[in-house]
Amino acid sequence: MDKMTALLDLAIKRKQTEPRPGSTRIGDYQHGIYECDYVSPFTKGACKVNANIFLLLQDWSSHNDMSKPVIDLERQKLELKYGYTPNQPTNIKLTELLKTYFSVEISDTYGTNLYPYIKSDDMSSSILQEDLVWAAEQFALPQIKIVEPKLVICFGKVTFNAIRTACDEKEVDTIEEGINAFFPFHNSMVWLQAHPGFYGQQSRNRG
């Protein structure tokens, strides 16, 4: 089975699997226009299946954000094309970091979200750790096995700890500890970095 077929099978599994309690499906919003043939829409703009770098963010969106009326049609077009908004500060920072340290664009990587469903409430809302670990086991680790990157970058301590727990590794207490707690999985090295969003970078810089 080739990589694209194996990844499509995971996307089909995501669509057919019941979301965790309190979560909803991507296709439940805006008449299903955000539904796609990937585990996460983010992969639309980061779908190099032979990439050396694998980007793993926490989750794609929230119920409250997805339920708002669409006002900015240009932004929606970008989200539908790339699975993210390139001119958002978080993604500008991510692009900057990838160029500075790896000389690559987001499109040169394979990117996805750990949690493949839409969480309740707002973007700042948390997801139960047990649900994140479940998502790691069901979707994130299988994607890593398929893509076989040299480096997996987990953005944020919560994401990293979910992957560590799913791999029977001890959780870390801080970003600083996690950065020095990289570990091998399959044919890849799994590494933690602060989330590219404002609060993640502020926390990292303060540390």
N, C-alpha and C. Protein backbone atom coordinates (compact mmCIF):
# COMPACT_ATOMS: atom_id res chain seq x y z
N MET A 1 0.84 -1.20 0.00
CA MET A 1 0.00 0.00 0.00
C MET A 1 0.88 1.25 0.00
N ASP A 2 0.63 2.20 -0.93
CA ASP A 2 1.45 3.40 -0.96
C ASP A 2 1.00 4.38 0.13
N LYS A 3 1.81 5.42 0.33
CA LYS A 3 1.56 6.35 1.43
C LYS A 3 0.23 7.08 1.29
N MET A 4 -0.07 7.56 0.08
CA MET A 4 -1.30 8.32 -0.10
C MET A 4 -2.53 7.46 0.19
N THR A 5 -2.49 6.21 -0.21
CA THR A 5 -3.62 5.31 0.05
C THR A 5 -3.77 5.05 1.54
N ALA A 6 -2.63 4.83 2.20
CA ALA A 6 -2.66 4.57 3.65
C ALA A 6 -3.17 5.79 4.41
N LEU A 7 -2.78 6.98 3.99
CA LEU A 7 -3.25 8.20 4.65
C LEU A 7 -4.73 8.44 4.38
N LEU A 8 -5.19 8.13 3.17
CA LEU A 8 -6.61 8.25 2.85
C LEU A 8 -7.43 7.30 3.72
N ASP A 9 -6.92 6.11 3.96
CA ASP A 9 -7.62 5.15 4.82
C ASP A 9 -7.79 5.71 6.23
N LEU A 10 -6.79 6.44 6.71
CA LEU A 10 -6.90 7.06 8.04
C LEU A 10 -7.95 8.18 8.03
N ALA A 11 -8.01 8.92 6.92
CA ALA A 11 -9.03 9.96 6.81
C ALA A 11 -10.42 9.35 6.81
N ILE A 12 -10.59 8.25 6.13
CA ILE A 12 -11.88 7.56 6.11
C ILE A 12 -12.21 7.05 7.51
N LYS A 13 -11.20 6.53 8.20
CA LYS A 13 -11.40 6.08 9.58
C LYS A 13 -11.86 7.24 10.46
N ARG A 14 -11.25 8.41 10.29
CA ARG A 14 -11.64 9.59 11.07
C ARG A 14 -13.11 9.94 10.82
N LYS A 15 -13.54 9.88 9.56
CA LYS A 15 -14.92 10.21 9.22
C LYS A 15 -15.91 9.20 9.80
N GLN A 16 -15.49 7.94 9.86
CA GLN A 16 -16.40 6.87 10.30
C GLN A 16 -16.38 6.65 11.80
N THR A 17 -15.40 7.22 12.49
CA THR A 17 -15.27 7.04 13.94
C THR A 17 -16.10 8.08 14.69
N GLU A 18 -16.77 7.65 15.71
CA GLU A 18 -17.56 8.56 16.53
C GLU A 18 -16.63 9.51 17.30
N PRO A 19 -16.85 10.82 17.20
CA PRO A 19 -16.01 11.76 17.97
C PRO A 19 -16.12 11.50 19.47
N ARG A 20 -15.12 11.92 20.19
CA ARG A 20 -15.15 11.79 21.63
C ARG A 20 -16.28 12.66 22.20
N PRO A 21 -16.82 12.31 23.38
CA PRO A 21 -17.94 13.08 23.96
C PRO A 21 -17.63 14.58 24.03
N GLY A 22 -18.57 15.38 23.56
CA GLY A 22 -18.40 16.83 23.58
C GLY A 22 -17.78 17.39 22.31
N SER A 23 -17.29 16.52 21.44
CA SER A 23 -16.67 16.97 20.18
C SER A 23 -17.60 16.69 19.01
N THR A 24 -17.32 17.33 17.89
CA THR A 24 -18.13 17.16 16.69
C THR A 24 -17.22 16.94 15.48
N ARG A 25 -17.83 16.60 14.36
CA ARG A 25 -17.07 16.33 13.14
C ARG A 25 -16.83 17.61 12.36
N ILE A 26 -15.76 17.64 11.59
CA ILE A 26 -15.46 18.79 10.73
C ILE A 26 -16.60 19.04 9.76
N GLY A 27 -17.18 17.97 9.25
CA GLY A 27 -18.22 18.10 8.24
C GLY A 27 -19.56 18.58 8.77
N ASP A 28 -19.67 18.76 10.07
CA ASP A 28 -20.93 19.21 10.66
C ASP A 28 -21.16 20.72 10.52
N TYR A 29 -20.19 21.44 9.95
CA TYR A 29 -20.27 22.90 9.91
C TYR A 29 -20.25 23.42 8.48
N GLN A 30 -20.91 24.56 8.29
CA GLN A 30 -20.91 25.27 7.00
C GLN A 30 -21.24 24.32 5.84
N HIS A 31 -22.25 23.50 6.05
CA HIS A 31 -22.72 22.58 5.01
C HIS A 31 -21.63 21.60 4.56
N GLY A 32 -20.69 21.33 5.45
CA GLY A 32 -19.68 20.31 5.17
C GLY A 32 -18.54 20.75 4.26
N ILE A 33 -18.39 22.04 4.00
CA ILE A 33 -17.38 22.47 3.01
C ILE A 33 -15.95 22.28 3.51
N TYR A 34 -15.75 22.14 4.83
CA TYR A 34 -14.39 21.97 5.34
C TYR A 34 -13.96 20.50 5.39
N GLU A 35 -14.90 19.60 5.12
CA GLU A 35 -14.56 18.18 5.12
C GLU A 35 -13.53 17.90 4.03
N CYS A 36 -12.65 16.94 4.27
CA CYS A 36 -11.56 16.68 3.32
C CYS A 36 -11.10 15.23 3.44
N ASP A 37 -10.20 14.85 2.57
CA ASP A 37 -9.69 13.48 2.55
C ASP A 37 -8.36 13.35 3.29
N TYR A 38 -8.25 14.09 4.38
CA TYR A 38 -7.08 14.00 5.27
C TYR A 38 -7.58 13.86 6.71
N VAL A 39 -6.72 13.46 7.59
CA VAL A 39 -7.09 13.41 9.00
C VAL A 39 -7.40 14.82 9.49
N SER A 40 -6.64 15.81 9.03
CA SER A 40 -6.87 17.21 9.39
C SER A 40 -6.82 18.08 8.14
N PRO A 41 -7.67 19.09 8.04
CA PRO A 41 -7.60 20.00 6.89
C PRO A 41 -6.24 20.68 6.76
N PHE A 42 -5.50 20.82 7.84
CA PHE A 42 -4.18 21.47 7.79
C PHE A 42 -3.27 20.80 6.77
N THR A 43 -3.48 19.52 6.54
CA THR A 43 -2.62 18.76 5.62
C THR A 43 -2.77 19.22 4.18
N LYS A 44 -3.86 19.90 3.85
CA LYS A 44 -4.02 20.41 2.48
C LYS A 44 -2.82 21.24 2.05
N GLY A 45 -2.32 22.07 2.95
CA GLY A 45 -1.20 22.95 2.62
C GLY A 45 0.13 22.41 3.07
N ALA A 46 0.15 21.20 3.63
CA ALA A 46 1.40 20.60 4.12
C ALA A 46 1.33 19.10 3.88
N CYS A 47 1.33 18.73 2.62
CA CYS A 47 1.05 17.34 2.25
C CYS A 47 2.18 16.69 1.47
N LYS A 48 3.41 16.94 1.87
CA LYS A 48 4.55 16.27 1.24
C LYS A 48 4.75 14.93 1.97
N VAL A 49 4.28 13.87 1.35
CA VAL A 49 4.24 12.58 2.05
C VAL A 49 5.62 11.96 2.24
N ASN A 50 6.62 12.48 1.54
CA ASN A 50 7.99 12.00 1.73
C ASN A 50 8.84 13.05 2.47
N ALA A 51 8.18 13.92 3.21
CA ALA A 51 8.87 15.01 3.90
C ALA A 51 9.78 14.49 5.00
N ASN A 52 10.85 15.22 5.23
CA ASN A 52 11.75 14.92 6.36
C ASN A 52 11.20 15.49 7.66
N ILE A 53 10.33 16.51 7.56
CA ILE A 53 9.81 17.19 8.74
C ILE A 53 8.30 17.00 8.82
N PHE A 54 7.83 16.58 9.99
CA PHE A 54 6.42 16.32 10.26
C PHE A 54 5.97 17.30 11.33
N LEU A 55 4.99 18.14 11.02
CA LEU A 55 4.48 19.14 11.96
C LEU A 55 3.23 18.60 12.65
N LEU A 56 3.22 18.61 13.97
CA LEU A 56 2.06 18.13 14.71
C LEU A 56 1.55 19.21 15.65
N LEU A 57 0.45 19.86 15.26
CA LEU A 57 -0.19 20.85 16.12
C LEU A 57 -1.29 20.17 16.93
N GLN A 58 -1.93 20.91 17.84
CA GLN A 58 -2.86 20.25 18.76
C GLN A 58 -4.22 19.97 18.12
N ASP A 59 -4.93 21.01 17.66
CA ASP A 59 -6.26 20.80 17.08
C ASP A 59 -6.56 21.92 16.11
N TRP A 60 -7.56 21.69 15.25
CA TRP A 60 -7.79 22.58 14.12
C TRP A 60 -8.71 23.76 14.43
N SER A 61 -9.80 23.52 15.14
CA SER A 61 -10.74 24.61 15.41
C SER A 61 -11.66 24.22 16.57
N SER A 62 -12.60 25.09 16.85
CA SER A 62 -13.53 24.87 17.97
C SER A 62 -14.97 25.09 17.50
N HIS A 63 -15.91 24.60 18.29
CA HIS A 63 -17.33 24.71 17.94
C HIS A 63 -17.76 26.16 17.76
N ASN A 64 -17.37 27.02 18.69
CA ASN A 64 -17.81 28.42 18.62
C ASN A 64 -17.26 29.12 17.38
N ASP A 65 -15.99 28.85 17.06
CA ASP A 65 -15.39 29.46 15.88
C ASP A 65 -16.03 28.95 14.59
N MET A 66 -16.28 27.66 14.54
CA MET A 66 -16.84 27.06 13.33
C MET A 66 -18.31 27.45 13.13
N SER A 67 -18.99 27.84 14.22
CA SER A 67 -20.41 28.17 14.15
C SER A 67 -20.68 29.62 13.77
N LYS A 68 -19.66 30.45 13.73
CA LYS A 68 -19.85 31.87 13.41
C LYS A 68 -20.20 32.05 11.93
N PRO A 69 -21.02 33.03 11.62
CA PRO A 69 -21.30 33.33 10.21
C PRO A 69 -19.99 33.73 9.51
N VAL A 70 -19.86 33.32 8.26
CA VAL A 70 -18.65 33.66 7.50
C VAL A 70 -18.77 35.10 7.01
N ILE A 71 -17.87 35.95 7.46
CA ILE A 71 -17.86 37.36 7.07
C ILE A 71 -16.72 37.63 6.08
N ASP A 72 -15.56 37.05 6.36
CA ASP A 72 -14.37 37.25 5.53
C ASP A 72 -14.27 36.11 4.51
N LEU A 73 -14.79 36.35 3.31
CA LEU A 73 -14.80 35.30 2.29
C LEU A 73 -13.40 34.99 1.77
N GLU A 74 -12.52 35.97 1.75
CA GLU A 74 -11.14 35.74 1.29
C GLU A 74 -10.41 34.81 2.26
N ARG A 75 -10.64 35.03 3.54
CA ARG A 75 -10.04 34.14 4.54
C ARG A 75 -10.58 32.72 4.37
N GLN A 76 -11.88 32.61 4.14
CA GLN A 76 -12.46 31.28 3.98
C GLN A 76 -11.86 30.57 2.76
N LYS A 77 -11.64 31.31 1.67
CA LYS A 77 -11.04 30.72 0.48
C LYS A 77 -9.65 30.16 0.79
N LEU A 78 -8.88 30.90 1.58
CA LEU A 78 -7.54 30.45 1.97
C LEU A 78 -7.62 29.20 2.85
N GLU A 79 -8.56 29.21 3.79
CA GLU A 79 -8.73 28.06 4.67
C GLU A 79 -9.12 26.81 3.88
N LEU A 80 -9.98 26.99 2.90
CA LEU A 80 -10.41 25.85 2.09
C LEU A 80 -9.28 25.35 1.19
N LYS A 81 -8.43 26.25 0.73
CA LYS A 81 -7.33 25.86 -0.15
C LYS A 81 -6.17 25.23 0.61
N TYR A 82 -5.76 25.87 1.71
CA TYR A 82 -4.56 25.45 2.43
C TYR A 82 -4.84 24.68 3.72
N GLY A 83 -6.07 24.81 4.24
CA GLY A 83 -6.35 24.20 5.53
C GLY A 83 -5.91 25.07 6.69
N TYR A 84 -5.42 26.24 6.40
CA TYR A 84 -5.04 27.23 7.41
C TYR A 84 -5.00 28.59 6.71
N THR A 85 -4.88 29.66 7.51
CA THR A 85 -4.83 31.01 6.95
C THR A 85 -3.39 31.50 6.98
N PRO A 86 -2.71 31.58 5.83
CA PRO A 86 -1.29 31.95 5.81
C PRO A 86 -0.95 33.28 6.46
N ASN A 87 -1.88 34.26 6.40
CA ASN A 87 -1.55 35.58 6.94
C ASN A 87 -1.93 35.76 8.41
N GLN A 88 -2.33 34.69 9.09
CA GLN A 88 -2.56 34.78 10.53
C GLN A 88 -1.21 34.81 11.25
N PRO A 89 -1.09 35.57 12.35
CA PRO A 89 0.19 35.68 13.06
C PRO A 89 0.83 34.33 13.41
N THR A 90 0.01 33.38 13.87
CA THR A 90 0.56 32.07 14.24
C THR A 90 1.23 31.40 13.05
N ASN A 91 0.59 31.46 11.89
CA ASN A 91 1.14 30.80 10.71
C ASN A 91 2.29 31.58 10.09
N ILE A 92 2.26 32.90 10.23
CA ILE A 92 3.41 33.71 9.80
C ILE A 92 4.64 33.33 10.62
N LYS A 93 4.44 33.17 11.94
CA LYS A 93 5.55 32.80 12.81
C LYS A 93 6.05 31.39 12.49
N LEU A 94 5.13 30.48 12.24
CA LEU A 94 5.53 29.12 11.89
C LEU A 94 6.35 29.11 10.60
N THR A 95 5.90 29.87 9.61
CA THR A 95 6.63 29.98 8.34
C THR A 95 8.03 30.53 8.57
N GLU A 96 8.11 31.57 9.40
CA GLU A 96 9.39 32.20 9.72
C GLU A 96 10.35 31.21 10.40
N LEU A 97 9.83 30.45 11.36
CA LEU A 97 10.68 29.50 12.08
C LEU A 97 11.18 28.39 11.16
N LEU A 98 10.31 27.89 10.29
CA LEU A 98 10.72 26.83 9.37
C LEU A 98 11.79 27.32 8.39
N LYS A 99 11.63 28.55 7.90
CA LYS A 99 12.61 29.11 6.98
C LYS A 99 13.95 29.35 7.68
N THR A 100 13.88 29.88 8.91
CA THR A 100 15.10 30.23 9.64
C THR A 100 15.93 29.01 10.02
N TYR A 101 15.27 27.98 10.53
CA TYR A 101 16.00 26.85 11.11
C TYR A 101 16.12 25.64 10.19
N PHE A 102 15.23 25.54 9.19
CA PHE A 102 15.28 24.36 8.31
C PHE A 102 15.32 24.70 6.83
N SER A 103 15.19 25.99 6.50
CA SER A 103 15.20 26.44 5.09
C SER A 103 14.11 25.76 4.27
N VAL A 104 12.93 25.58 4.85
CA VAL A 104 11.80 24.98 4.15
C VAL A 104 10.55 25.82 4.35
N GLU A 105 9.58 25.61 3.48
CA GLU A 105 8.26 26.21 3.60
C GLU A 105 7.32 25.20 4.26
N ILE A 106 6.15 25.66 4.69
CA ILE A 106 5.16 24.74 5.24
C ILE A 106 4.82 23.66 4.21
N SER A 107 4.76 24.04 2.94
CA SER A 107 4.42 23.10 1.87
C SER A 107 5.49 22.02 1.67
N ASP A 108 6.67 22.21 2.23
CA ASP A 108 7.74 21.22 2.14
C ASP A 108 7.66 20.19 3.26
N THR A 109 6.66 20.30 4.11
CA THR A 109 6.53 19.42 5.27
C THR A 109 5.24 18.59 5.14
N TYR A 110 5.09 17.65 6.07
CA TYR A 110 3.79 17.00 6.26
C TYR A 110 3.26 17.53 7.58
N GLY A 111 2.08 18.13 7.55
CA GLY A 111 1.52 18.72 8.76
C GLY A 111 0.13 18.19 9.05
N THR A 112 -0.19 18.07 10.32
CA THR A 112 -1.51 17.60 10.73
C THR A 112 -1.80 18.11 12.14
N ASN A 113 -2.98 17.78 12.62
CA ASN A 113 -3.36 18.11 14.00
C ASN A 113 -3.53 16.83 14.79
N LEU A 114 -3.09 16.85 16.03
CA LEU A 114 -3.22 15.68 16.90
C LEU A 114 -4.68 15.28 17.07
N TYR A 115 -5.53 16.24 17.41
CA TYR A 115 -6.94 15.93 17.65
C TYR A 115 -7.72 16.24 16.38
N PRO A 116 -8.33 15.24 15.76
CA PRO A 116 -8.92 15.43 14.43
C PRO A 116 -10.39 15.82 14.42
N TYR A 117 -10.95 16.16 15.57
CA TYR A 117 -12.35 16.57 15.64
C TYR A 117 -12.44 18.01 16.15
N ILE A 118 -13.63 18.54 16.15
CA ILE A 118 -13.85 19.92 16.58
C ILE A 118 -14.23 19.92 18.06
N LYS A 119 -13.42 20.58 18.86
CA LYS A 119 -13.69 20.61 20.30
C LYS A 119 -14.82 21.58 20.62
N SER A 120 -15.38 21.46 21.80
CA SER A 120 -16.46 22.35 22.23
C SER A 120 -15.92 23.73 22.62
N ASP A 121 -16.80 24.69 22.69
CA ASP A 121 -16.49 26.04 23.17
C ASP A 121 -15.53 26.78 22.25
N ASP A 122 -14.50 27.46 22.84
CA ASP A 122 -13.62 28.35 22.09
C ASP A 122 -12.27 27.71 21.75
N MET A 123 -11.50 28.43 20.93
CA MET A 123 -10.17 27.93 20.54
C MET A 123 -9.25 27.77 21.74
N SER A 124 -9.48 28.57 22.79
CA SER A 124 -8.64 28.49 23.98
C SER A 124 -9.06 27.36 24.91
N SER A 125 -10.15 26.70 24.60
CA SER A 125 -10.65 25.61 25.46
C SER A 125 -9.70 24.41 25.41
N SER A 126 -9.64 23.71 26.52
CA SER A 126 -8.75 22.54 26.60
C SER A 126 -9.49 21.28 26.15
N ILE A 127 -8.73 20.25 25.86
CA ILE A 127 -9.25 18.94 25.49
C ILE A 127 -8.74 17.96 26.53
N LEU A 128 -9.58 17.04 26.96
CA LEU A 128 -9.17 16.05 27.95
C LEU A 128 -7.92 15.31 27.49
N GLN A 129 -6.99 15.13 28.42
CA GLN A 129 -5.75 14.44 28.08
C GLN A 129 -6.01 13.04 27.56
N GLU A 130 -6.99 12.36 28.12
CA GLU A 130 -7.28 11.00 27.66
C GLU A 130 -7.77 11.00 26.22
N ASP A 131 -8.46 12.07 25.82
CA ASP A 131 -8.91 12.16 24.42
C ASP A 131 -7.73 12.44 23.49
N LEU A 132 -6.78 13.24 23.94
CA LEU A 132 -5.60 13.52 23.13
C LEU A 132 -4.73 12.27 22.97
N VAL A 133 -4.60 11.51 24.04
CA VAL A 133 -3.82 10.27 23.96
C VAL A 133 -4.50 9.28 23.02
N TRP A 134 -5.82 9.21 23.12
CA TRP A 134 -6.59 8.36 22.21
C TRP A 134 -6.35 8.77 20.76
N ALA A 135 -6.38 10.08 20.49
CA ALA A 135 -6.16 10.59 19.14
C ALA A 135 -4.74 10.28 18.67
N ALA A 136 -3.78 10.36 19.58
CA ALA A 136 -2.39 10.01 19.23
C ALA A 136 -2.30 8.56 18.78
N GLU A 137 -2.94 7.69 19.53
CA GLU A 137 -2.89 6.26 19.22
C GLU A 137 -3.61 5.94 17.92
N GLN A 138 -4.76 6.58 17.70
CA GLN A 138 -5.62 6.24 16.57
C GLN A 138 -5.20 6.91 15.27
N PHE A 139 -4.65 8.13 15.35
CA PHE A 139 -4.42 8.90 14.14
C PHE A 139 -3.00 9.48 13.98
N ALA A 140 -2.45 10.08 15.03
CA ALA A 140 -1.16 10.75 14.87
C ALA A 140 -0.01 9.77 14.67
N LEU A 141 0.11 8.79 15.56
CA LEU A 141 1.21 7.82 15.43
C LEU A 141 1.12 7.02 14.13
N PRO A 142 -0.07 6.58 13.72
CA PRO A 142 -0.15 5.91 12.41
C PRO A 142 0.31 6.80 11.25
N GLN A 143 0.01 8.10 11.30
CA GLN A 143 0.49 8.99 10.23
C GLN A 143 2.01 9.09 10.23
N ILE A 144 2.60 9.16 11.41
CA ILE A 144 4.06 9.20 11.51
C ILE A 144 4.68 7.94 10.92
N LYS A 145 4.09 6.80 11.22
CA LYS A 145 4.59 5.53 10.68
C LYS A 145 4.52 5.51 9.15
N ILE A 146 3.45 6.07 8.61
CA ILE A 146 3.28 6.07 7.16
C ILE A 146 4.27 7.02 6.48
N VAL A 147 4.36 8.25 6.97
CA VAL A 147 5.21 9.27 6.34
C VAL A 147 6.69 8.98 6.57
N GLU A 148 7.04 8.48 7.74
CA GLU A 148 8.43 8.16 8.12
C GLU A 148 9.36 9.37 7.97
N PRO A 149 9.03 10.49 8.61
CA PRO A 149 9.92 11.65 8.56
C PRO A 149 11.15 11.43 9.44
N LYS A 150 12.15 12.24 9.22
CA LYS A 150 13.32 12.20 10.11
C LYS A 150 12.98 12.86 11.44
N LEU A 151 12.18 13.93 11.38
CA LEU A 151 11.89 14.71 12.57
C LEU A 151 10.39 14.99 12.68
N VAL A 152 9.84 14.72 13.86
CA VAL A 152 8.47 15.08 14.18
C VAL A 152 8.52 16.22 15.19
N ILE A 153 7.93 17.37 14.85
CA ILE A 153 7.92 18.51 15.77
C ILE A 153 6.53 18.61 16.38
N CYS A 154 6.43 18.37 17.67
CA CYS A 154 5.17 18.53 18.41
C CYS A 154 5.12 19.96 18.94
N PHE A 155 4.10 20.70 18.57
CA PHE A 155 3.99 22.09 19.02
C PHE A 155 3.14 22.16 20.28
N GLY A 156 3.78 22.51 21.37
CA GLY A 156 3.10 22.63 22.65
C GLY A 156 3.30 21.41 23.53
N LYS A 157 3.41 21.66 24.82
CA LYS A 157 3.65 20.60 25.80
C LYS A 157 2.52 19.59 25.84
N VAL A 158 1.28 20.06 25.71
CA VAL A 158 0.13 19.16 25.77
C VAL A 158 0.18 18.14 24.63
N THR A 159 0.49 18.61 23.43
CA THR A 159 0.61 17.72 22.28
C THR A 159 1.75 16.72 22.48
N PHE A 160 2.88 17.22 22.91
CA PHE A 160 4.06 16.37 23.13
C PHE A 160 3.77 15.31 24.19
N ASN A 161 3.13 15.70 25.28
CA ASN A 161 2.85 14.74 26.35
C ASN A 161 1.85 13.67 25.91
N ALA A 162 0.90 14.03 25.06
CA ALA A 162 -0.04 13.02 24.56
C ALA A 162 0.70 11.98 23.73
N ILE A 163 1.62 12.44 22.90
CA ILE A 163 2.42 11.51 22.10
C ILE A 163 3.32 10.67 22.99
N ARG A 164 3.94 11.30 23.99
CA ARG A 164 4.81 10.56 24.90
C ARG A 164 4.02 9.47 25.64
N THR A 165 2.84 9.82 26.13
CA THR A 165 2.02 8.85 26.85
C THR A 165 1.63 7.69 25.94
N ALA A 166 1.26 8.00 24.71
CA ALA A 166 0.88 6.96 23.76
C ALA A 166 2.06 6.05 23.41
N CYS A 167 3.26 6.57 23.59
CA CYS A 167 4.48 5.79 23.32
C CYS A 167 5.10 5.22 24.60
N ASP A 168 4.33 5.25 25.71
CA ASP A 168 4.80 4.74 27.00
C ASP A 168 6.03 5.47 27.53
N GLU A 169 6.08 6.77 27.24
CA GLU A 169 7.14 7.62 27.77
C GLU A 169 6.57 8.50 28.88
N LYS A 170 7.40 8.90 29.82
CA LYS A 170 6.97 9.74 30.93
C LYS A 170 6.67 11.15 30.44
N GLU A 171 5.61 11.77 30.97
CA GLU A 171 5.27 13.15 30.62
C GLU A 171 6.34 14.12 31.12
N VAL A 172 6.44 15.27 30.47
CA VAL A 172 7.36 16.32 30.91
C VAL A 172 6.55 17.41 31.61
N ASP A 173 7.21 18.17 32.48
CA ASP A 173 6.52 19.20 33.26
C ASP A 173 6.59 20.58 32.63
N THR A 174 7.63 20.83 31.84
CA THR A 174 7.82 22.16 31.25
C THR A 174 8.27 22.04 29.80
N ILE A 175 8.12 23.14 29.07
CA ILE A 175 8.62 23.20 27.69
C ILE A 175 10.12 22.95 27.67
N GLU A 176 10.82 23.60 28.59
CA GLU A 176 12.29 23.46 28.64
C GLU A 176 12.69 22.00 28.83
N GLU A 177 12.03 21.33 29.76
CA GLU A 177 12.32 19.91 29.99
C GLU A 177 12.01 19.09 28.74
N GLY A 178 10.88 19.43 28.11
CA GLY A 178 10.46 18.67 26.94
C GLY A 178 11.39 18.82 25.75
N ILE A 179 11.93 20.02 25.55
CA ILE A 179 12.85 20.24 24.44
C ILE A 179 14.06 19.33 24.55
N ASN A 180 14.44 19.02 25.77
CA ASN A 180 15.59 18.14 25.99
C ASN A 180 15.19 16.68 26.19
N ALA A 181 13.91 16.38 25.95
CA ALA A 181 13.41 15.02 26.16
C ALA A 181 12.94 14.40 24.85
N PHE A 182 13.63 14.73 23.75
CA PHE A 182 13.28 14.13 22.45
C PHE A 182 13.51 12.62 22.53
N PHE A 183 12.76 11.89 21.72
CA PHE A 183 12.85 10.44 21.80
C PHE A 183 12.53 9.82 20.44
N PRO A 184 13.00 8.61 20.18
CA PRO A 184 12.73 7.98 18.88
C PRO A 184 11.38 7.28 18.86
N PHE A 185 10.74 7.33 17.71
CA PHE A 185 9.53 6.54 17.48
C PHE A 185 9.57 6.05 16.05
N HIS A 186 9.46 4.74 15.88
CA HIS A 186 9.53 4.14 14.55
C HIS A 186 10.85 4.57 13.91
N ASN A 187 10.82 5.25 12.77
CA ASN A 187 12.06 5.70 12.13
C ASN A 187 12.27 7.20 12.29
N SER A 188 11.59 7.80 13.27
CA SER A 188 11.63 9.25 13.43
C SER A 188 12.13 9.65 14.82
N MET A 189 12.53 10.91 14.94
CA MET A 189 12.85 11.51 16.23
C MET A 189 11.75 12.51 16.56
N VAL A 190 11.17 12.38 17.75
CA VAL A 190 10.06 13.23 18.16
C VAL A 190 10.58 14.31 19.09
N TRP A 191 10.25 15.55 18.77
CA TRP A 191 10.85 16.70 19.44
C TRP A 191 9.74 17.69 19.80
N LEU A 192 9.91 18.40 20.88
CA LEU A 192 8.96 19.42 21.33
C LEU A 192 9.48 20.82 21.02
N GLN A 193 8.58 21.67 20.56
CA GLN A 193 8.84 23.09 20.46
C GLN A 193 7.61 23.85 20.94
N ALA A 194 7.82 25.07 21.40
CA ALA A 194 6.70 25.90 21.85
C ALA A 194 5.75 26.14 20.68
N HIS A 195 4.48 26.26 20.98
CA HIS A 195 3.48 26.56 19.96
C HIS A 195 3.85 27.89 19.29
N PRO A 196 3.68 28.00 17.96
CA PRO A 196 4.06 29.25 17.27
C PRO A 196 3.12 30.41 17.52
N GLY A 197 2.04 30.18 18.25
CA GLY A 197 1.14 31.27 18.61
C GLY A 197 1.76 32.22 19.62
N PHE A 198 1.12 33.35 19.86
CA PHE A 198 1.67 34.41 20.72
C PHE A 198 2.00 33.89 22.12
N TYR A 199 1.05 33.21 22.75
CA TYR A 199 1.27 32.78 24.13
C TYR A 199 2.34 31.69 24.22
N GLY A 200 2.39 30.82 23.24
CA GLY A 200 3.42 29.79 23.22
C GLY A 200 4.81 30.38 23.10
N GLN A 201 4.96 31.38 22.23
CA GLN A 201 6.27 32.02 22.05
C GLN A 201 6.65 32.87 23.25
N GLN A 202 5.67 33.54 23.85
CA GLN A 202 5.95 34.33 25.06
C GLN A 202 6.44 33.42 26.19
N SER A 203 5.77 32.30 26.34
CA SER A 203 6.14 31.35 27.39
C SER A 203 7.53 30.80 27.14
N ARG A 204 7.83 30.49 25.90
CA ARG A 204 9.15 29.95 25.55
C ARG A 204 10.24 30.97 25.80
N ASN A 205 10.00 32.20 25.36
CA ASN A 205 11.00 33.25 25.54
C ASN A 205 11.24 33.54 27.03
N ARG A 206 10.16 33.48 27.80
CA ARG A 206 10.30 33.74 29.23
C ARG A 206 11.12 32.64 29.88
N GLY A 207 10.97 31.40 29.36
CA GLY A 207 11.73 30.28 29.92
C GLY A 207 13.18 30.32 29.55
